[in-house]
Amino acid sequence: DDGCGDHKGARWNALGTRHEMEAADSVVVRFGEKYKQWNAAFDAGMAAALGKALIVMHQAEHAHALKEVDAAALAVVQEPEQVVQILRYVLDGQLPS
């Protein structure tokens, strides 16, 4: 191994992510302990650059660190159910109960 395998895999992943993102109407980016923060930040930036409707999900303690990312988003939420509520409203006009 010449040490390039990780970079090759990363490029292929980025290609797939970009393809999916270009086809998407909206993009949800989740920040959290289990998620690679730099990957999430890159994906949020790419979604914003592509003009996609961006929903950002993170816990309150990350709000200050992610304020610029949040500013690019149409919605900022803390729980997956909130994403579902937003998408349900956008797709069906159904308000949360």
Protein backbone atom coordinates (compact mmCIF):
# COMPACT_ATOMS: atom_id res chain seq x y z
CA ASP A 1 0.00 0.00 0.00
CA ASP A 2 1.41 3.38 -0.98
CA GLY A 3 -0.64 5.20 1.66
CA CYS A 4 -3.07 6.57 -0.90
CA GLY A 5 -5.82 4.04 -0.29
CA ASP A 6 -7.55 6.18 2.33
CA HIS A 7 -7.47 9.20 0.05
CA LYS A 8 -8.79 7.20 -2.90
CA GLY A 9 -11.69 5.90 -0.80
CA ALA A 10 -12.38 9.42 0.47
CA ARG A 11 -12.52 10.76 -3.09
CA TRP A 12 -14.92 8.01 -4.14
CA ASN A 13 -17.11 8.71 -1.11
CA ALA A 14 -17.07 12.42 -1.92
CA LEU A 15 -18.07 11.68 -5.51
CA GLY A 16 -21.03 9.61 -4.34
CA THR A 17 -22.04 12.21 -1.76
CA ARG A 18 -21.87 15.01 -4.30
CA HIS A 19 -23.91 13.03 -6.83
CA GLU A 20 -26.62 12.33 -4.24
CA MET A 21 -26.56 15.92 -3.01
CA GLU A 22 -26.93 17.33 -6.52
CA ALA A 23 -30.02 15.15 -7.02
CA ALA A 24 -31.57 16.12 -3.67
CA ASP A 25 -34.15 18.83 -3.08
CA SER A 26 -33.04 19.25 0.52
CA VAL A 27 -30.12 18.06 2.63
CA VAL A 28 -30.04 17.17 6.33
CA VAL A 29 -26.65 17.41 8.01
CA ARG A 30 -26.31 15.96 11.49
CA PHE A 31 -23.56 17.00 13.87
CA GLY A 32 -22.86 15.02 17.03
CA GLU A 33 -20.47 12.87 18.97
CA LYS A 34 -20.93 9.85 16.67
CA TYR A 35 -20.48 11.88 13.49
CA LYS A 36 -17.26 13.18 11.94
CA GLN A 37 -17.61 16.92 12.49
CA TRP A 38 -15.30 17.89 9.63
CA ASN A 39 -17.25 15.70 7.21
CA ALA A 40 -20.54 17.18 8.38
CA ALA A 41 -19.19 20.72 8.05
CA PHE A 42 -17.93 19.96 4.54
CA ASP A 43 -21.28 18.46 3.53
CA ALA A 44 -23.16 21.47 4.94
CA GLY A 45 -20.89 23.80 2.97
CA MET A 46 -21.37 21.80 -0.20
CA ALA A 47 -25.15 21.81 0.24
CA ALA A 48 -25.10 25.57 0.74
CA ALA A 49 -22.86 26.07 -2.31
CA LEU A 50 -25.25 23.97 -4.40
CA GLY A 51 -28.19 26.07 -3.19
CA LYS A 52 -29.92 23.14 -1.50
CA ALA A 53 -32.48 23.59 1.26
CA LEU A 54 -30.34 22.77 4.29
CA ILE A 55 -31.55 21.42 7.61
CA VAL A 56 -28.89 21.23 10.32
CA MET A 57 -29.24 19.01 13.37
CA HIS A 58 -27.09 19.37 16.47
CA GLN A 59 -27.36 19.69 20.21
CA ALA A 60 -27.62 23.09 21.92
CA GLU A 61 -24.05 22.93 23.22
CA HIS A 62 -22.76 23.10 19.64
CA ALA A 63 -24.80 26.21 18.70
CA HIS A 64 -21.97 28.71 19.12
CA ALA A 65 -19.39 26.64 17.25
CA LEU A 66 -21.83 26.06 14.38
CA LYS A 67 -23.35 29.53 14.16
CA GLU A 68 -22.08 30.12 10.61
CA VAL A 69 -23.37 26.73 9.47
CA ASP A 70 -26.70 27.43 11.18
CA ALA A 71 -26.92 30.79 9.39
CA ALA A 72 -26.81 28.98 6.02
CA ALA A 73 -29.59 26.59 7.04
CA LEU A 74 -33.31 27.01 6.51
CA ALA A 75 -33.90 25.13 9.76
CA VAL A 76 -31.84 24.13 12.79
CA VAL A 77 -33.14 21.32 14.97
CA GLN A 78 -31.97 19.09 17.80
CA GLU A 79 -33.96 15.88 17.30
CA PRO A 80 -34.63 13.60 14.30
CA GLU A 81 -38.38 13.91 14.92
CA GLN A 82 -38.11 17.63 14.21
CA VAL A 83 -36.64 16.84 10.79
CA VAL A 84 -39.57 14.51 10.14
CA GLN A 85 -42.02 17.25 11.16
CA ILE A 86 -40.39 19.77 8.80
CA LEU A 87 -40.37 17.34 5.87
CA ARG A 88 -43.95 16.29 6.57
CA TYR A 89 -44.99 19.95 6.49
CA VAL A 90 -43.06 20.66 3.29
CA LEU A 91 -44.35 17.57 1.48
CA ASP A 92 -47.91 17.30 2.81
CA GLY A 93 -48.66 20.66 4.46
CA GLN A 94 -49.25 18.79 7.72
CA LEU A 95 -48.43 20.85 10.81
CA PRO A 96 -47.02 19.06 13.90
CA SER A 97 -49.69 18.11 16.39
